[in-house]
Amino acid sequence: MKKLAIGMVLGMSLFAGQTLAAGDAAAGQAKAAVCAACHGADGIAVIPGYPNLKGQNEQYIISSIKAYKNKERNGGLAAVMQAQAAMLNDADIANLAAYYSSLK
């Protein structure tokens, strides 16, 4: 029973941490100006083959940008995204993800 209680407390703290780490969509919108060159001002890509970010899952955007930043995503034009992602800190990434996921 004690292990169950400890597990529940730990599990709840993980959810609380995710809530606290939520990005600021307004800050993300301001930061997204450089992204618009490829992904469009409204999150719809202007270059064929580039992904649309509008309405994309927030956690997916975060994990994708971090993968580029850590050079875990390669091939194609990954070098472009790796260079862009290298300039972002964790707050920037969370804010961009919050912004693009909020677009409907």
PDB file of N, CA and C in Angstrom:
ATOM      1  N   MET A   1       0.827  -1.188   0.000  1.00  0.00           N
ATOM      2  CA  MET A   1       0.000   0.000   0.000  1.00  0.00           C
ATOM      3  C   MET A   1       0.875   1.256   0.000  1.00  0.00           C
ATOM      4  N   LYS A   2       1.972   1.194   0.761  1.00  0.00           N
ATOM      5  CA  LYS A   2       2.873   2.348   0.835  1.00  0.00           C
ATOM      6  C   LYS A   2       3.502   2.623  -0.540  1.00  0.00           C
ATOM      7  N   LYS A   3       3.870   1.552  -1.253  1.00  0.00           N
ATOM      8  CA  LYS A   3       4.452   1.717  -2.586  1.00  0.00           C
ATOM      9  C   LYS A   3       3.446   2.351  -3.543  1.00  0.00           C
ATOM     10  N   LEU A   4       2.191   1.978  -3.426  1.00  0.00           N
ATOM     11  CA  LEU A   4       1.153   2.547  -4.278  1.00  0.00           C
ATOM     12  C   LEU A   4       1.014   4.054  -4.022  1.00  0.00           C
ATOM     13  N   ALA A   5       1.021   4.427  -2.763  1.00  0.00           N
ATOM     14  CA  ALA A   5       0.888   5.843  -2.412  1.00  0.00           C
ATOM     15  C   ALA A   5       2.076   6.643  -2.933  1.00  0.00           C
ATOM     16  N   ILE A   6       3.264   6.100  -2.794  1.00  0.00           N
ATOM     17  CA  ILE A   6       4.472   6.777  -3.286  1.00  0.00           C
ATOM     18  C   ILE A   6       4.408   6.902  -4.809  1.00  0.00           C
ATOM     19  N   GLY A   7       3.981   5.842  -5.465  1.00  0.00           N
ATOM     20  CA  GLY A   7       3.855   5.868  -6.918  1.00  0.00           C
ATOM     21  C   GLY A   7       2.852   6.912  -7.392  1.00  0.00           C
ATOM     22  N   MET A   8       1.751   7.039  -6.668  1.00  0.00           N
ATOM     23  CA  MET A   8       0.737   8.033  -7.035  1.00  0.00           C
ATOM     24  C   MET A   8       1.272   9.449  -6.860  1.00  0.00           C
ATOM     25  N   VAL A   9       1.995   9.682  -5.773  1.00  0.00           N
ATOM     26  CA  VAL A   9       2.566  11.011  -5.534  1.00  0.00           C
ATOM     27  C   VAL A   9       3.578  11.355  -6.625  1.00  0.00           C
ATOM     28  N   LEU A  10       4.431  10.408  -6.966  1.00  0.00           N
ATOM     29  CA  LEU A  10       5.413  10.643  -8.019  1.00  0.00           C
ATOM     30  C   LEU A  10       4.728  10.886  -9.361  1.00  0.00           C
ATOM     31  N   GLY A  11       3.729  10.106  -9.664  1.00  0.00           N
ATOM     32  CA  GLY A  11       3.000  10.265 -10.917  1.00  0.00           C
ATOM     33  C   GLY A  11       2.312  11.618 -11.007  1.00  0.00           C
ATOM     34  N   MET A  12       1.718  12.053  -9.917  1.00  0.00           N
ATOM     35  CA  MET A  12       1.048  13.354  -9.903  1.00  0.00           C
ATOM     36  C   MET A  12       2.052  14.489 -10.037  1.00  0.00           C
ATOM     37  N   SER A  13       3.224  14.311  -9.474  1.00  0.00           N
ATOM     38  CA  SER A  13       4.235  15.365  -9.583  1.00  0.00           C
ATOM     39  C   SER A  13       4.734  15.493 -11.019  1.00  0.00           C
ATOM     40  N   LEU A  14       4.738  14.395 -11.759  1.00  0.00           N
ATOM     41  CA  LEU A  14       5.126  14.465 -13.166  1.00  0.00           C
ATOM     42  C   LEU A  14       4.119  15.283 -13.963  1.00  0.00           C
ATOM     43  N   PHE A  15       2.835  15.077 -13.694  1.00  0.00           N
ATOM     44  CA  PHE A  15       1.811  15.857 -14.382  1.00  0.00           C
ATOM     45  C   PHE A  15       1.886  17.319 -13.996  1.00  0.00           C
ATOM     46  N   ALA A  16       2.159  17.587 -12.744  1.00  0.00           N
ATOM     47  CA  ALA A  16       2.275  18.976 -12.288  1.00  0.00           C
ATOM     48  C   ALA A  16       3.451  19.649 -12.971  1.00  0.00           C
ATOM     49  N   GLY A  17       4.544  18.929 -13.139  1.00  0.00           N
ATOM     50  CA  GLY A  17       5.716  19.482 -13.801  1.00  0.00           C
ATOM     51  C   GLY A  17       5.431  19.829 -15.250  1.00  0.00           C
ATOM     52  N   GLN A  18       4.612  19.031 -15.909  1.00  0.00           N
ATOM     53  CA  GLN A  18       4.257  19.321 -17.292  1.00  0.00           C
ATOM     54  C   GLN A  18       3.405  20.576 -17.375  1.00  0.00           C
ATOM     55  N   THR A  19       2.525  20.764 -16.411  1.00  0.00           N
ATOM     56  CA  THR A  19       1.685  21.947 -16.409  1.00  0.00           C
ATOM     57  C   THR A  19       2.529  23.182 -16.185  1.00  0.00           C
ATOM     58  N   LEU A  20       3.473  23.104 -15.261  1.00  0.00           N
ATOM     59  CA  LEU A  20       4.330  24.247 -14.973  1.00  0.00           C
ATOM     60  C   LEU A  20       5.241  24.583 -16.146  1.00  0.00           C
ATOM     61  N   ALA A  21       5.560  23.581 -16.956  1.00  0.00           N
ATOM     62  CA  ALA A  21       6.489  23.791 -18.059  1.00  0.00           C
ATOM     63  C   ALA A  21       5.773  24.222 -19.344  1.00  0.00           C
ATOM     64  N   ALA A  22       4.465  24.442 -19.243  1.00  0.00           N
ATOM     65  CA  ALA A  22       3.706  24.817 -20.438  1.00  0.00           C
ATOM     66  C   ALA A  22       4.250  26.106 -21.023  1.00  0.00           C
ATOM     67  N   GLY A  23       4.260  26.158 -22.338  1.00  0.00           N
ATOM     68  CA  GLY A  23       4.791  27.325 -23.020  1.00  0.00           C
ATOM     69  C   GLY A  23       3.809  28.478 -23.070  1.00  0.00           C
ATOM     70  N   ASP A  24       4.310  29.618 -23.440  1.00  0.00           N
ATOM     71  CA  ASP A  24       3.544  30.849 -23.593  1.00  0.00           C
ATOM     72  C   ASP A  24       3.331  31.084 -25.086  1.00  0.00           C
ATOM     73  N   ALA A  25       2.094  30.926 -25.537  1.00  0.00           N
ATOM     74  CA  ALA A  25       1.794  31.038 -26.962  1.00  0.00           C
ATOM     75  C   ALA A  25       2.111  32.427 -27.517  1.00  0.00           C
ATOM     76  N   ALA A  26       1.886  33.468 -26.721  1.00  0.00           N
ATOM     77  CA  ALA A  26       2.173  34.835 -27.197  1.00  0.00           C
ATOM     78  C   ALA A  26       3.669  35.025 -27.409  1.00  0.00           C
ATOM     79  N   ALA A  27       4.472  34.512 -26.484  1.00  0.00           N
ATOM     80  CA  ALA A  27       5.931  34.590 -26.638  1.00  0.00           C
ATOM     81  C   ALA A  27       6.369  33.742 -27.825  1.00  0.00           C
ATOM     82  N   GLY A  28       5.713  32.609 -28.024  1.00  0.00           N
ATOM     83  CA  GLY A  28       6.029  31.751 -29.160  1.00  0.00           C
ATOM     84  C   GLY A  28       5.716  32.417 -30.480  1.00  0.00           C
ATOM     85  N   GLN A  29       4.624  33.160 -30.528  1.00  0.00           N
ATOM     86  CA  GLN A  29       4.260  33.867 -31.750  1.00  0.00           C
ATOM     87  C   GLN A  29       5.331  34.892 -32.112  1.00  0.00           C
ATOM     88  N   ALA A  30       5.841  35.591 -31.112  1.00  0.00           N
ATOM     89  CA  ALA A  30       6.896  36.579 -31.363  1.00  0.00           C
ATOM     90  C   ALA A  30       8.170  35.901 -31.852  1.00  0.00           C
ATOM     91  N   LYS A  31       8.467  34.743 -31.306  1.00  0.00           N
ATOM     92  CA  LYS A  31       9.686  34.009 -31.669  1.00  0.00           C
ATOM     93  C   LYS A  31       9.549  33.331 -33.031  1.00  0.00           C
ATOM     94  N   ALA A  32       8.316  33.092 -33.490  1.00  0.00           N
ATOM     95  CA  ALA A  32       8.068  32.320 -34.704  1.00  0.00           C
ATOM     96  C   ALA A  32       8.362  33.068 -35.995  1.00  0.00           C
ATOM     97  N   ALA A  33       8.721  34.325 -35.922  1.00  0.00           N
ATOM     98  CA  ALA A  33       8.960  35.108 -37.147  1.00  0.00           C
ATOM     99  C   ALA A  33       9.994  34.433 -38.044  1.00  0.00           C
ATOM    100  N   VAL A  34      11.053  33.919 -37.455  1.00  0.00           N
ATOM    101  CA  VAL A  34      12.099  33.272 -38.257  1.00  0.00           C
ATOM    102  C   VAL A  34      11.604  31.945 -38.843  1.00  0.00           C
ATOM    103  N   CYS A  35      10.680  31.286 -38.177  1.00  0.00           N
ATOM    104  CA  CYS A  35      10.137  30.013 -38.646  1.00  0.00           C
ATOM    105  C   CYS A  35       9.262  30.202 -39.888  1.00  0.00           C
ATOM    106  N   ALA A  36       8.656  31.397 -39.985  1.00  0.00           N
ATOM    107  CA  ALA A  36       7.700  31.673 -41.058  1.00  0.00           C
ATOM    108  C   ALA A  36       8.312  31.565 -42.446  1.00  0.00           C
ATOM    109  N   ALA A  37       9.607  31.760 -42.558  1.00  0.00           N
ATOM    110  CA  ALA A  37      10.252  31.686 -43.874  1.00  0.00           C
ATOM    111  C   ALA A  37      10.015  30.334 -44.539  1.00  0.00           C
ATOM    112  N   CYS A  38       9.987  29.276 -43.765  1.00  0.00           N
ATOM    113  CA  CYS A  38       9.781  27.933 -44.313  1.00  0.00           C
ATOM    114  C   CYS A  38       8.413  27.352 -43.959  1.00  0.00           C
ATOM    115  N   HIS A  39       7.960  27.632 -42.738  1.00  0.00           N
ATOM    116  CA  HIS A  39       6.738  27.012 -42.234  1.00  0.00           C
ATOM    117  C   HIS A  39       5.514  27.909 -42.371  1.00  0.00           C
ATOM    118  N   GLY A  40       5.681  29.096 -42.957  1.00  0.00           N
ATOM    119  CA  GLY A  40       4.567  30.001 -43.199  1.00  0.00           C
ATOM    120  C   GLY A  40       4.180  30.824 -41.983  1.00  0.00           C
ATOM    121  N   ALA A  41       3.708  32.029 -42.236  1.00  0.00           N
ATOM    122  CA  ALA A  41       3.309  32.933 -41.157  1.00  0.00           C
ATOM    123  C   ALA A  41       2.162  32.362 -40.333  1.00  0.00           C
ATOM    124  N   ASP A  42       1.333  31.541 -40.962  1.00  0.00           N
ATOM    125  CA  ASP A  42       0.196  30.946 -40.264  1.00  0.00           C
ATOM    126  C   ASP A  42       0.424  29.474 -39.917  1.00  0.00           C
ATOM    127  N   GLY A  43       1.667  29.011 -40.048  1.00  0.00           N
ATOM    128  CA  GLY A  43       1.979  27.623 -39.728  1.00  0.00           C
ATOM    129  C   GLY A  43       1.735  26.648 -40.861  1.00  0.00           C
ATOM    130  N   ILE A  44       1.337  27.163 -42.012  1.00  0.00           N
ATOM    131  CA  ILE A  44       1.161  26.322 -43.201  1.00  0.00           C
ATOM    132  C   ILE A  44       2.381  26.540 -44.080  1.00  0.00           C
ATOM    133  N   ALA A  45       3.132  25.483 -44.308  1.00  0.00           N
ATOM    134  CA  ALA A  45       4.417  25.569 -45.013  1.00  0.00           C
ATOM    135  C   ALA A  45       4.273  26.205 -46.389  1.00  0.00           C
ATOM    136  N   VAL A  46       5.228  27.063 -46.707  1.00  0.00           N
ATOM    137  CA  VAL A  46       5.232  27.735 -48.004  1.00  0.00           C
ATOM    138  C   VAL A  46       6.125  27.012 -49.012  1.00  0.00           C
ATOM    139  N   ILE A  47       6.912  26.072 -48.524  1.00  0.00           N
ATOM    140  CA  ILE A  47       7.819  25.315 -49.379  1.00  0.00           C
ATOM    141  C   ILE A  47       7.351  23.855 -49.405  1.00  0.00           C
ATOM    142  N   PRO A  48       7.107  23.313 -50.603  1.00  0.00           N
ATOM    143  CA  PRO A  48       6.683  21.905 -50.675  1.00  0.00           C
ATOM    144  C   PRO A  48       7.682  20.988 -49.960  1.00  0.00           C
ATOM    145  N   GLY A  49       7.148  20.047 -49.215  1.00  0.00           N
ATOM    146  CA  GLY A  49       7.989  19.095 -48.495  1.00  0.00           C
ATOM    147  C   GLY A  49       8.306  19.523 -47.072  1.00  0.00           C
ATOM    148  N   TYR A  50       8.038  20.774 -46.733  1.00  0.00           N
ATOM    149  CA  TYR A  50       8.254  21.245 -45.360  1.00  0.00           C
ATOM    150  C   TYR A  50       6.967  20.991 -44.574  1.00  0.00           C
ATOM    151  N   PRO A  51       7.084  20.625 -43.314  1.00  0.00           N
ATOM    152  CA  PRO A  51       5.877  20.289 -42.551  1.00  0.00           C
ATOM    153  C   PRO A  51       5.066  21.513 -42.133  1.00  0.00           C
ATOM    154  N   ASN A  52       3.748  21.333 -42.106  1.00  0.00           N
ATOM    155  CA  ASN A  52       2.859  22.326 -41.531  1.00  0.00           C
ATOM    156  C   ASN A  52       2.950  22.202 -40.014  1.00  0.00           C
ATOM    157  N   LEU A  53       3.008  23.317 -39.327  1.00  0.00           N
ATOM    158  CA  LEU A  53       3.081  23.308 -37.871  1.00  0.00           C
ATOM    159  C   LEU A  53       1.756  23.702 -37.228  1.00  0.00           C
ATOM    160  N   LYS A  54       0.885  24.304 -37.997  1.00  0.00           N
ATOM    161  CA  LYS A  54      -0.409  24.766 -37.497  1.00  0.00           C
ATOM    162  C   LYS A  54      -1.197  23.600 -36.903  1.00  0.00           C
ATOM    163  N   GLY A  55      -1.563  23.733 -35.613  1.00  0.00           N
ATOM    164  CA  GLY A  55      -2.372  22.720 -34.953  1.00  0.00           C
ATOM    165  C   GLY A  55      -1.656  21.434 -34.607  1.00  0.00           C
ATOM    166  N   GLN A  56      -0.356  21.391 -34.821  1.00  0.00           N
ATOM    167  CA  GLN A  56       0.417  20.176 -34.530  1.00  0.00           C
ATOM    168  C   GLN A  56       0.440  19.936 -33.018  1.00  0.00           C
ATOM    169  N   ASN A  57       0.573  18.713 -32.607  1.00  0.00           N
ATOM    170  CA  ASN A  57       0.636  18.342 -31.195  1.00  0.00           C
ATOM    171  C   ASN A  57       1.819  19.027 -30.506  1.00  0.00           C
ATOM    172  N   GLU A  58       1.540  19.668 -29.388  1.00  0.00           N
ATOM    173  CA  GLU A  58       2.562  20.444 -28.674  1.00  0.00           C
ATOM    174  C   GLU A  58       3.781  19.604 -28.277  1.00  0.00           C
ATOM    175  N   GLN A  59       3.538  18.441 -27.699  1.00  0.00           N
ATOM    176  CA  GLN A  59       4.659  17.601 -27.266  1.00  0.00           C
ATOM    177  C   GLN A  59       5.466  17.086 -28.456  1.00  0.00           C
ATOM    178  N   TYR A  60       4.798  16.845 -29.571  1.00  0.00           N
ATOM    179  CA  TYR A  60       5.508  16.405 -30.775  1.00  0.00           C
ATOM    180  C   TYR A  60       6.454  17.502 -31.270  1.00  0.00           C
ATOM    181  N   ILE A  61       5.978  18.747 -31.272  1.00  0.00           N
ATOM    182  CA  ILE A  61       6.831  19.864 -31.697  1.00  0.00           C
ATOM    183  C   ILE A  61       8.033  19.978 -30.776  1.00  0.00           C
ATOM    184  N   ILE A  62       7.804  19.890 -29.481  1.00  0.00           N
ATOM    185  CA  ILE A  62       8.911  19.980 -28.513  1.00  0.00           C
ATOM    186  C   ILE A  62       9.929  18.876 -28.762  1.00  0.00           C
ATOM    187  N   SER A  63       9.452  17.639 -28.876  1.00  0.00           N
ATOM    188  CA  SER A  63      10.402  16.529 -29.062  1.00  0.00           C
ATOM    189  C   SER A  63      11.124  16.634 -30.400  1.00  0.00           C
ATOM    190  N   SER A  64      10.440  17.112 -31.422  1.00  0.00           N
ATOM    191  CA  SER A  64      11.072  17.255 -32.740  1.00  0.00           C
ATOM    192  C   SER A  64      12.165  18.315 -32.726  1.00  0.00           C
ATOM    193  N   ILE A  65      11.867  19.479 -32.159  1.00  0.00           N
ATOM    194  CA  ILE A  65      12.869  20.547 -32.116  1.00  0.00           C
ATOM    195  C   ILE A  65      14.068  20.114 -31.277  1.00  0.00           C
ATOM    196  N   LYS A  66      13.799  19.460 -30.155  1.00  0.00           N
ATOM    197  CA  LYS A  66      14.905  18.997 -29.311  1.00  0.00           C
ATOM    198  C   LYS A  66      15.743  17.944 -30.031  1.00  0.00           C
ATOM    199  N   ALA A  67      15.094  17.101 -30.834  1.00  0.00           N
ATOM    200  CA  ALA A  67      15.837  16.090 -31.601  1.00  0.00           C
ATOM    201  C   ALA A  67      16.745  16.761 -32.625  1.00  0.00           C
ATOM    202  N   TYR A  68      16.252  17.811 -33.274  1.00  0.00           N
ATOM    203  CA  TYR A  68      17.107  18.561 -34.199  1.00  0.00           C
ATOM    204  C   TYR A  68      18.254  19.222 -33.438  1.00  0.00           C
ATOM    205  N   LYS A  69      17.936  19.824 -32.312  1.00  0.00           N
ATOM    206  CA  LYS A  69      18.953  20.520 -31.513  1.00  0.00           C
ATOM    207  C   LYS A  69      20.065  19.557 -31.081  1.00  0.00           C
ATOM    208  N   ASN A  70      19.678  18.350 -30.723  1.00  0.00           N
ATOM    209  CA  ASN A  70      20.642  17.338 -30.274  1.00  0.00           C
ATOM    210  C   ASN A  70      21.237  16.536 -31.430  1.00  0.00           C
ATOM    211  N   LYS A  71      20.919  16.942 -32.653  1.00  0.00           N
ATOM    212  CA  LYS A  71      21.394  16.291 -33.878  1.00  0.00           C
ATOM    213  C   LYS A  71      21.007  14.824 -33.950  1.00  0.00           C
ATOM    214  N   GLU A  72      19.826  14.517 -33.421  1.00  0.00           N
ATOM    215  CA  GLU A  72      19.286  13.165 -33.470  1.00  0.00           C
ATOM    216  C   GLU A  72      18.427  12.957 -34.709  1.00  0.00           C
ATOM    217  N   ARG A  73      18.060  14.041 -35.372  1.00  0.00           N
ATOM    218  CA  ARG A  73      17.325  13.969 -36.632  1.00  0.00           C
ATOM    219  C   ARG A  73      18.274  14.402 -37.729  1.00  0.00           C
ATOM    220  N   ASN A  74      18.399  13.560 -38.745  1.00  0.00           N
ATOM    221  CA  ASN A  74      19.342  13.807 -39.831  1.00  0.00           C
ATOM    222  C   ASN A  74      18.672  13.529 -41.165  1.00  0.00           C
ATOM    223  N   GLY A  75      19.395  13.851 -42.217  1.00  0.00           N
ATOM    224  CA  GLY A  75      18.879  13.583 -43.554  1.00  0.00           C
ATOM    225  C   GLY A  75      18.099  14.758 -44.093  1.00  0.00           C
ATOM    226  N   GLY A  76      17.914  14.766 -45.387  1.00  0.00           N
ATOM    227  CA  GLY A  76      17.168  15.843 -46.021  1.00  0.00           C
ATOM    228  C   GLY A  76      17.765  17.196 -45.684  1.00  0.00           C
ATOM    229  N   LEU A  77      16.914  18.087 -45.245  1.00  0.00           N
ATOM    230  CA  LEU A  77      17.357  19.434 -44.871  1.00  0.00           C
ATOM    231  C   LEU A  77      17.491  19.586 -43.352  1.00  0.00           C
ATOM    232  N   ALA A  78      17.800  18.489 -42.677  1.00  0.00           N
ATOM    233  CA  ALA A  78      17.925  18.527 -41.221  1.00  0.00           C
ATOM    234  C   ALA A  78      18.974  19.530 -40.761  1.00  0.00           C
ATOM    235  N   ALA A  79      20.002  19.744 -41.558  1.00  0.00           N
ATOM    236  CA  ALA A  79      21.052  20.693 -41.170  1.00  0.00           C
ATOM    237  C   ALA A  79      20.491  22.098 -40.977  1.00  0.00           C
ATOM    238  N   VAL A  80      19.485  22.451 -41.760  1.00  0.00           N
ATOM    239  CA  VAL A  80      18.849  23.766 -41.616  1.00  0.00           C
ATOM    240  C   VAL A  80      18.148  23.849 -40.265  1.00  0.00           C
ATOM    241  N   MET A  81      17.364  22.824 -39.930  1.00  0.00           N
ATOM    242  CA  MET A  81      16.649  22.826 -38.656  1.00  0.00           C
ATOM    243  C   MET A  81      17.606  22.680 -37.474  1.00  0.00           C
ATOM    244  N   GLN A  82      18.671  21.930 -37.648  1.00  0.00           N
ATOM    245  CA  GLN A  82      19.647  21.799 -36.560  1.00  0.00           C
ATOM    246  C   GLN A  82      20.242  23.159 -36.214  1.00  0.00           C
ATOM    247  N   ALA A  83      20.560  23.950 -37.236  1.00  0.00           N
ATOM    248  CA  ALA A  83      21.126  25.280 -36.999  1.00  0.00           C
ATOM    249  C   ALA A  83      20.106  26.190 -36.320  1.00  0.00           C
ATOM    250  N   GLN A  84      18.853  26.128 -36.757  1.00  0.00           N
ATOM    251  CA  GLN A  84      17.807  26.957 -36.146  1.00  0.00           C
ATOM    252  C   GLN A  84      17.549  26.520 -34.706  1.00  0.00           C
ATOM    253  N   ALA A  85      17.445  25.225 -34.488  1.00  0.00           N
ATOM    254  CA  ALA A  85      17.159  24.700 -33.154  1.00  0.00           C
ATOM    255  C   ALA A  85      18.287  24.977 -32.177  1.00  0.00           C
ATOM    256  N   ALA A  86      19.503  25.030 -32.672  1.00  0.00           N
ATOM    257  CA  ALA A  86      20.657  25.287 -31.795  1.00  0.00           C
ATOM    258  C   ALA A  86      20.565  26.654 -31.128  1.00  0.00           C
ATOM    259  N   MET A  87      19.817  27.565 -31.733  1.00  0.00           N
ATOM    260  CA  MET A  87      19.686  28.918 -31.182  1.00  0.00           C
ATOM    261  C   MET A  87      18.563  29.039 -30.159  1.00  0.00           C
ATOM    262  N   LEU A  88      17.829  27.957 -29.920  1.00  0.00           N
ATOM    263  CA  LEU A  88      16.677  27.997 -29.027  1.00  0.00           C
ATOM    264  C   LEU A  88      16.993  27.384 -27.673  1.00  0.00           C
ATOM    265  N   ASN A  89      16.483  27.995 -26.609  1.00  0.00           N
ATOM    266  CA  ASN A  89      16.581  27.380 -25.282  1.00  0.00           C
ATOM    267  C   ASN A  89      15.268  26.638 -25.010  1.00  0.00           C
ATOM    268  N   ASP A  90      15.184  25.959 -23.882  1.00  0.00           N
ATOM    269  CA  ASP A  90      14.002  25.151 -23.583  1.00  0.00           C
ATOM    270  C   ASP A  90      12.728  25.991 -23.523  1.00  0.00           C
ATOM    271  N   ALA A  91      12.810  27.207 -22.977  1.00  0.00           N
ATOM    272  CA  ALA A  91      11.632  28.079 -22.907  1.00  0.00           C
ATOM    273  C   ALA A  91      11.179  28.478 -24.313  1.00  0.00           C
ATOM    274  N   ASP A  92      12.135  28.804 -25.189  1.00  0.00           N
ATOM    275  CA  ASP A  92      11.794  29.146 -26.575  1.00  0.00           C
ATOM    276  C   ASP A  92      11.062  27.990 -27.247  1.00  0.00           C
ATOM    277  N   ILE A  93      11.570  26.794 -27.057  1.00  0.00           N
ATOM    278  CA  ILE A  93      10.982  25.604 -27.672  1.00  0.00           C
ATOM    279  C   ILE A  93       9.560  25.394 -27.155  1.00  0.00           C
ATOM    280  N   ALA A  94       9.375  25.503 -25.845  1.00  0.00           N
ATOM    281  CA  ALA A  94       8.040  25.337 -25.253  1.00  0.00           C
ATOM    282  C   ALA A  94       7.087  26.412 -25.762  1.00  0.00           C
ATOM    283  N   ASN A  95       7.580  27.636 -25.886  1.00  0.00           N
ATOM    284  CA  ASN A  95       6.738  28.735 -26.358  1.00  0.00           C
ATOM    285  C   ASN A  95       6.328  28.545 -27.817  1.00  0.00           C
ATOM    286  N   LEU A  96       7.279  28.143 -28.658  1.00  0.00           N
ATOM    287  CA  LEU A  96       6.956  27.877 -30.066  1.00  0.00           C
ATOM    288  C   LEU A  96       5.936  26.753 -30.183  1.00  0.00           C
ATOM    289  N   ALA A  97       6.132  25.708 -29.411  1.00  0.00           N
ATOM    290  CA  ALA A  97       5.198  24.568 -29.446  1.00  0.00           C
ATOM    291  C   ALA A  97       3.809  24.997 -28.988  1.00  0.00           C
ATOM    292  N   ALA A  98       3.749  25.815 -27.947  1.00  0.00           N
ATOM    293  CA  ALA A  98       2.448  26.302 -27.458  1.00  0.00           C
ATOM    294  C   ALA A  98       1.762  27.138 -28.527  1.00  0.00           C
ATOM    295  N   TYR A  99       2.528  27.970 -29.206  1.00  0.00           N
ATOM    296  CA  TYR A  99       1.957  28.824 -30.248  1.00  0.00           C
ATOM    297  C   TYR A  99       1.417  27.987 -31.410  1.00  0.00           C
ATOM    298  N   TYR A 100       2.259  27.162 -31.991  1.00  0.00           N
ATOM    299  CA  TYR A 100       1.815  26.415 -33.172  1.00  0.00           C
ATOM    300  C   TYR A 100       0.693  25.438 -32.845  1.00  0.00           C
ATOM    301  N   SER A 101       0.709  24.838 -31.669  1.00  0.00           N
ATOM    302  CA  SER A 101      -0.372  23.901 -31.321  1.00  0.00           C
ATOM    303  C   SER A 101      -1.680  24.635 -31.055  1.00  0.00           C
ATOM    304  N   SER A 102      -1.610  25.912 -30.724  1.00  0.00           N
ATOM    305  CA  SER A 102      -2.828  26.677 -30.447  1.00  0.00           C
ATOM    306  C   SER A 102      -3.535  27.134 -31.728  1.00  0.00           C
ATOM    307  N   LEU A 103      -2.855  27.089 -32.853  1.00  0.00           N
ATOM    308  CA  LEU A 103      -3.453  27.534 -34.113  1.00  0.00           C
ATOM    309  C   LEU A 103      -4.451  26.494 -34.601  1.00  0.00           C
ATOM    310  N   LYS A 104      -5.611  26.951 -34.952  1.00  0.00           N
ATOM    311  CA  LYS A 104      -6.651  26.013 -35.421  1.00  0.00           C
ATOM    312  C   LYS A 104      -7.108  26.396 -36.807  1.00  0.00           C
TER     313      LYS A 104
END
